[in-house]
Every structure is written in structure tokens, then in C-alpha cells.
Amino acid sequence: MPKVTFMPSGESMDIDGETTLREAAHLLHVNVHDRCGGMGACCNCVVTVLQGAANIQPKSTVEEAVFYLAENDRLSCQCRITGDVVVSTI
């Protein structure tokens, strides 16, 4: 199972490919500032991929429409991982 680690807290867990980064954050009690229930509408749940960018599925059409996302920024509600990743919630 892939492992996700949230920085700066260092909280981590193994997740399956059906779990989003948002869902993993909630299970670990890590705040990703989401307000829309994981629908991609609020665009507040931005995380920055620090390691393992190749282990995340490509950006969704929802993410592509968010003009202010930097290259390594992702909406946690839209991300499913395929391998180990380290992300920052700051």
C-alpha cells in the first residue's frame, strides 16, 4: 500500500488507491482547510507535493481550471496516489 506523509506534522499512513489525500488527512486529523465536502468546489484544500509527484494521478479537470495552483500544488480532494508521497499542508 502507498504511504502518505503530511508535513509539517509528520503524520503518515498507508492508504489504498481509492482514498483521496483529503480523506487520509481527515483520518489523521490533519487540517486541509476543505469547506465543500470534497467536491473540488471551494479549492481550499491545496497541498504541496514535496516528494513523490510521479506517484499521484494526473491533475483532474477541476484542478486544471484552478489558475493559482503551482506545478506541485494539488487539491487534496482530487488526488489519489499510486505510490509513496510526502505533502505539505502549509
Protein backbone atom coordinates (compact mmCIF):
# COMPACT_ATOMS: atom_id res chain seq x y z
CA MET A 1 0.00 0.00 0.00
CA PRO A 2 1.21 3.51 -0.75
CA LYS A 3 2.19 5.70 2.20
CA VAL A 4 1.21 9.35 2.51
CA THR A 5 3.01 11.68 4.92
CA PHE A 6 1.68 15.11 5.82
CA MET A 7 4.16 17.82 6.76
CA PRO A 8 4.87 19.66 8.95
CA SER A 9 3.12 17.33 11.42
CA GLY A 10 4.82 14.18 10.12
CA GLU A 11 1.55 12.22 10.42
CA SER A 12 1.50 9.33 7.98
CA MET A 13 -0.49 6.28 7.00
CA ASP A 14 -0.79 3.62 4.34
CA ILE A 15 -3.76 4.19 2.03
CA ASP A 16 -5.31 2.30 -0.84
CA GLY A 17 -5.74 3.74 -4.31
CA GLU A 18 -9.37 4.64 -3.68
CA THR A 19 -8.59 7.00 -0.79
CA THR A 20 -8.02 10.68 -1.56
CA LEU A 21 -5.40 12.78 0.19
CA ARG A 22 -8.28 14.73 1.76
CA GLU A 23 -9.78 11.55 3.21
CA ALA A 24 -6.38 10.45 4.54
CA ALA A 25 -5.87 13.88 6.12
CA HIS A 26 -9.22 13.62 7.88
CA LEU A 27 -8.40 10.14 9.19
CA LEU A 28 -5.17 11.53 10.66
CA HIS A 29 -6.85 14.71 11.95
CA VAL A 30 -4.73 16.87 9.64
CA ASN A 31 -6.46 20.09 8.60
CA VAL A 32 -6.52 20.64 4.84
CA HIS A 33 -8.93 23.60 5.09
CA ASP A 34 -11.65 21.99 2.96
CA ARG A 35 -15.10 23.50 3.01
CA CYS A 36 -17.06 21.82 0.23
CA GLY A 37 -17.01 18.20 1.40
CA GLY A 38 -14.52 17.02 -1.19
CA MET A 39 -16.29 18.19 -4.32
CA GLY A 40 -13.47 20.42 -5.60
CA ALA A 41 -15.70 23.47 -5.48
CA CYS A 42 -14.05 25.50 -2.71
CA CYS A 43 -10.44 24.97 -3.90
CA ASN A 44 -9.21 25.48 -0.34
CA CYS A 45 -7.72 22.03 0.30
CA VAL A 46 -4.46 22.78 -1.50
CA VAL A 47 -1.43 20.70 -0.57
CA THR A 48 2.07 20.95 -1.99
CA VAL A 49 3.73 17.74 -3.12
CA LEU A 50 7.23 17.64 -1.62
CA GLN A 51 8.19 14.12 -2.70
CA GLY A 52 6.64 11.53 -4.99
CA ALA A 53 4.86 13.74 -7.52
CA ALA A 54 5.08 10.91 -10.04
CA ASN A 55 3.05 8.76 -7.62
CA ILE A 56 -0.08 10.90 -7.90
CA GLN A 57 -2.62 10.59 -10.68
CA PRO A 58 -2.53 13.49 -13.18
CA LYS A 59 -4.40 16.69 -12.34
CA SER A 60 -8.14 16.44 -12.80
CA THR A 61 -10.10 18.85 -14.99
CA VAL A 62 -11.22 20.55 -11.76
CA GLU A 63 -7.59 21.13 -10.76
CA GLU A 64 -6.59 22.26 -14.25
CA ALA A 65 -9.22 25.01 -14.01
CA VAL A 66 -7.71 26.47 -10.81
CA PHE A 67 -5.34 29.10 -12.20
CA TYR A 68 -3.39 29.73 -8.99
CA LEU A 69 -2.17 26.16 -8.43
CA ALA A 70 1.60 25.94 -8.81
CA GLU A 71 3.12 22.92 -10.55
CA ASN A 72 3.41 20.87 -7.35
CA ASP A 73 0.17 22.14 -5.78
CA ARG A 74 -2.82 19.84 -5.78
CA LEU A 75 -6.37 19.83 -4.42
CA SER A 76 -6.30 17.09 -1.80
CA CYS A 77 -9.88 16.10 -2.57
CA GLN A 78 -8.94 15.32 -6.18
CA CYS A 79 -5.75 13.32 -5.53
CA ARG A 80 -5.42 9.58 -5.44
CA ILE A 81 -1.93 8.22 -5.02
CA THR A 82 -0.26 5.22 -6.61
CA GLY A 83 2.93 5.24 -4.53
CA ASP A 84 4.55 6.93 -1.54
CA VAL A 85 4.17 10.72 -1.29
CA VAL A 86 5.06 13.50 1.12
CA VAL A 87 2.86 16.59 1.04
CA SER A 88 2.80 19.89 2.91
CA THR A 89 -0.40 21.42 4.21
CA ILE A 90 1.18 24.89 4.55
